[in-house]
Amino acid sequence: MFSSPMMGGLANVSRFLAVSTKGGSDAASGRCSRFSRCELRMNQARADRVAQLMQQELGQMLLTEVKDPRIGFVSITRVELSRDLSQARIYVSVMGTPEEKAATFQGLKQAAHFLRGEITRRLGLRKAPALVFREDTGIQDSLAIQNLLRQVSQHQDEGHD
């Protein structure tokens, strides 16, 4: 079982990120040519693993290391990383007023350089991915839908009485 990179250090991160070419994959059996679909799948699988680690590390850094008072309650909901690991879209959920959200995104933009360097160092990446923060409105959307469903059920209950 894989342990957290913070618990096992850089050796576990390297093992977690390594793409194995041995075993039953198409690449190992010689059925794939250079830049074929199976190679792209392996690149995307690696990008997905790095994105998962980035999400964990960024969440930890925002909690403990980034001291910007503009960054309030922020949840990183997902990270999408390009196959070549050059760009990371980080989706964050921010609670608060529109002014507080704008201030939070301004603080994240200011902290991006620090976060980029730390992610590169902690995950042992050769190239630092560009960090682009985007708002994820999924939590707010689900709360709005729950409120609508509650109103509909209350309206139906009043209509049947």
Protein backbone atom coordinates (compact mmCIF):
# COMPACT_ATOMS: atom_id res chain seq x y z
CA MET A 1 0.00 0.00 0.00
CA PHE A 2 1.25 3.46 -0.89
CA SER A 3 1.94 5.82 1.95
CA SER A 4 1.78 9.58 1.81
CA PRO A 5 4.79 11.25 0.17
CA MET A 6 5.21 13.33 3.31
CA MET A 7 5.54 10.17 5.40
CA GLY A 8 7.87 8.26 3.11
CA GLY A 9 9.93 11.10 1.68
CA LEU A 10 11.15 11.60 -1.85
CA ALA A 11 11.83 7.91 -2.46
CA ASN A 12 8.12 7.05 -2.18
CA VAL A 13 7.17 9.98 -4.42
CA SER A 14 9.62 8.79 -7.06
CA ARG A 15 8.27 5.24 -6.89
CA PHE A 16 4.71 6.56 -7.06
CA LEU A 17 5.44 8.71 -10.10
CA ALA A 18 7.54 6.19 -12.02
CA VAL A 19 5.83 4.74 -15.05
CA SER A 20 6.55 1.05 -15.31
CA THR A 21 7.21 -0.32 -18.76
CA LYS A 22 7.46 -3.90 -17.53
CA GLY A 23 4.60 -6.30 -17.20
CA GLY A 24 1.51 -6.75 -19.31
CA SER A 25 1.26 -3.32 -20.89
CA ASP A 26 1.15 -2.84 -24.63
CA ALA A 27 4.42 -0.87 -24.52
CA ALA A 28 6.31 -3.75 -22.91
CA SER A 29 5.05 -6.28 -25.41
CA GLY A 30 6.28 -4.20 -28.33
CA ARG A 31 2.84 -3.69 -29.85
CA CYS A 32 3.05 0.11 -29.63
CA SER A 33 4.99 2.45 -31.82
CA ARG A 34 6.47 5.74 -30.64
CA PHE A 35 3.81 8.34 -29.75
CA SER A 36 1.05 5.78 -30.04
CA ARG A 37 -2.15 5.61 -28.04
CA CYS A 38 -0.74 3.42 -25.30
CA GLU A 39 2.15 5.84 -24.75
CA LEU A 40 -0.32 8.72 -24.51
CA ARG A 41 -2.36 6.69 -22.01
CA MET A 42 0.76 6.11 -19.92
CA ASN A 43 1.58 9.84 -20.06
CA GLN A 44 -1.96 10.70 -18.99
CA ALA A 45 -1.84 8.14 -16.19
CA ARG A 46 1.36 9.73 -14.90
CA ALA A 47 -0.18 13.20 -15.20
CA ASP A 48 -3.19 11.96 -13.20
CA ARG A 49 -0.93 10.61 -10.44
CA VAL A 50 1.07 13.84 -10.29
CA ALA A 51 -2.19 15.85 -10.23
CA GLN A 52 -3.42 13.79 -7.27
CA LEU A 53 -0.18 14.44 -5.38
CA MET A 54 -0.32 18.13 -6.31
CA GLN A 55 -3.83 18.40 -4.88
CA GLN A 56 -2.69 16.91 -1.57
CA GLU A 57 0.47 19.03 -1.35
CA LEU A 58 -1.25 22.28 -2.36
CA GLY A 59 -3.98 21.71 0.21
CA GLN A 60 -1.38 21.15 2.90
CA MET A 61 0.63 24.21 1.88
CA LEU A 62 -2.43 26.47 1.81
CA LEU A 63 -3.31 25.34 5.33
CA THR A 64 0.10 25.60 6.93
CA GLU A 65 2.56 27.63 4.88
CA VAL A 66 0.76 30.37 2.96
CA LYS A 67 0.21 33.24 5.36
CA ASP A 68 -1.71 35.63 3.10
CA PRO A 69 -4.72 36.92 5.06
CA ARG A 70 -6.73 37.28 1.84
CA ILE A 71 -6.76 33.52 1.39
CA GLY A 72 -9.64 32.43 3.56
CA PHE A 73 -11.42 29.09 3.55
CA VAL A 74 -10.25 27.42 0.34
CA SER A 75 -10.80 23.82 -0.73
CA ILE A 76 -8.93 22.37 -3.67
CA THR A 77 -11.53 20.23 -5.40
CA ARG A 78 -9.41 18.91 -8.28
CA VAL A 79 -6.25 19.47 -10.29
CA GLU A 80 -6.07 18.93 -14.04
CA LEU A 81 -2.57 18.58 -15.39
CA SER A 82 -1.52 18.61 -19.04
CA ARG A 83 0.14 15.44 -20.33
CA ASP A 84 3.52 17.14 -20.56
CA LEU A 85 3.11 18.46 -16.98
CA SER A 86 3.61 22.04 -18.15
CA GLN A 87 0.30 23.49 -16.94
CA ALA A 88 -1.90 22.73 -13.94
CA ARG A 89 -5.46 23.97 -13.64
CA ILE A 90 -6.32 24.04 -9.98
CA TYR A 91 -10.03 24.16 -9.19
CA VAL A 92 -10.80 25.71 -5.84
CA SER A 93 -14.01 26.17 -3.94
CA VAL A 94 -14.18 29.43 -2.02
CA MET A 95 -16.86 30.32 0.49
CA GLY A 96 -17.76 33.94 1.11
CA THR A 97 -19.05 37.07 -0.56
CA PRO A 98 -18.03 37.95 -4.11
CA GLU A 99 -15.56 40.51 -2.70
CA GLU A 100 -13.98 37.87 -0.44
CA LYS A 101 -13.75 35.46 -3.37
CA ALA A 102 -12.04 38.08 -5.52
CA ALA A 103 -9.56 38.81 -2.71
CA THR A 104 -8.90 35.10 -2.26
CA PHE A 105 -8.13 34.63 -5.95
CA GLN A 106 -5.87 37.68 -5.85
CA GLY A 107 -4.01 36.12 -2.90
CA LEU A 108 -3.74 32.78 -4.72
CA LYS A 109 -2.37 34.54 -7.77
CA GLN A 110 0.27 36.26 -5.60
CA ALA A 111 1.18 32.95 -3.90
CA ALA A 112 1.38 31.01 -7.19
CA HIS A 113 5.12 31.59 -7.64
CA PHE A 114 5.90 30.23 -4.16
CA LEU A 115 3.50 27.30 -4.59
CA ARG A 116 4.94 26.47 -8.02
CA GLY A 117 8.48 26.26 -6.68
CA GLU A 118 7.48 24.21 -3.66
CA ILE A 119 5.44 21.74 -5.75
CA THR A 120 8.38 21.26 -8.10
CA ARG A 121 10.78 20.69 -5.20
CA ARG A 122 8.49 18.43 -3.15
CA LEU A 123 7.42 16.21 -6.03
CA GLY A 124 10.85 16.11 -7.65
CA LEU A 125 9.65 17.42 -11.00
CA ARG A 126 12.14 18.62 -13.62
CA LYS A 127 9.91 21.36 -14.92
CA ALA A 128 7.68 23.60 -12.81
CA PRO A 129 4.09 23.51 -14.07
CA ALA A 130 2.33 26.84 -14.52
CA LEU A 131 -0.42 27.12 -11.91
CA VAL A 132 -3.78 28.51 -13.02
CA PHE A 133 -6.46 28.84 -10.35
CA ARG A 134 -10.10 28.46 -11.39
CA GLU A 135 -13.25 28.65 -9.32
CA ASP A 136 -15.16 25.42 -8.86
CA THR A 137 -18.79 26.26 -8.23
CA GLY A 138 -19.86 22.65 -7.75
CA ILE A 139 -20.41 22.97 -4.00
CA GLN A 140 -22.46 26.16 -4.36
CA ASP A 141 -24.43 24.60 -7.22
CA SER A 142 -25.26 21.52 -5.14
CA LEU A 143 -26.38 23.71 -2.22
CA ALA A 144 -28.66 25.68 -4.56
CA ILE A 145 -30.14 22.45 -5.95
CA GLN A 146 -30.75 21.14 -2.41
CA ASN A 147 -32.57 24.37 -1.53
CA LEU A 148 -34.72 24.09 -4.66
CA LEU A 149 -35.58 20.46 -3.89
CA ARG A 150 -36.46 21.41 -0.32
CA GLN A 151 -38.76 24.19 -1.59
CA VAL A 152 -40.43 21.81 -4.05
CA SER A 153 -41.04 19.19 -1.35
CA GLN A 154 -42.44 21.84 1.02
CA HIS A 155 -44.70 23.12 -1.75
CA GLN A 156 -45.93 19.57 -2.48
CA ASP A 157 -46.53 18.91 1.23
CA GLU A 158 -48.60 22.09 1.51
CA GLY A 159 -50.59 21.16 -1.60
CA HIS A 160 -51.55 17.71 -0.29
CA ASP A 161 -52.72 18.84 3.15
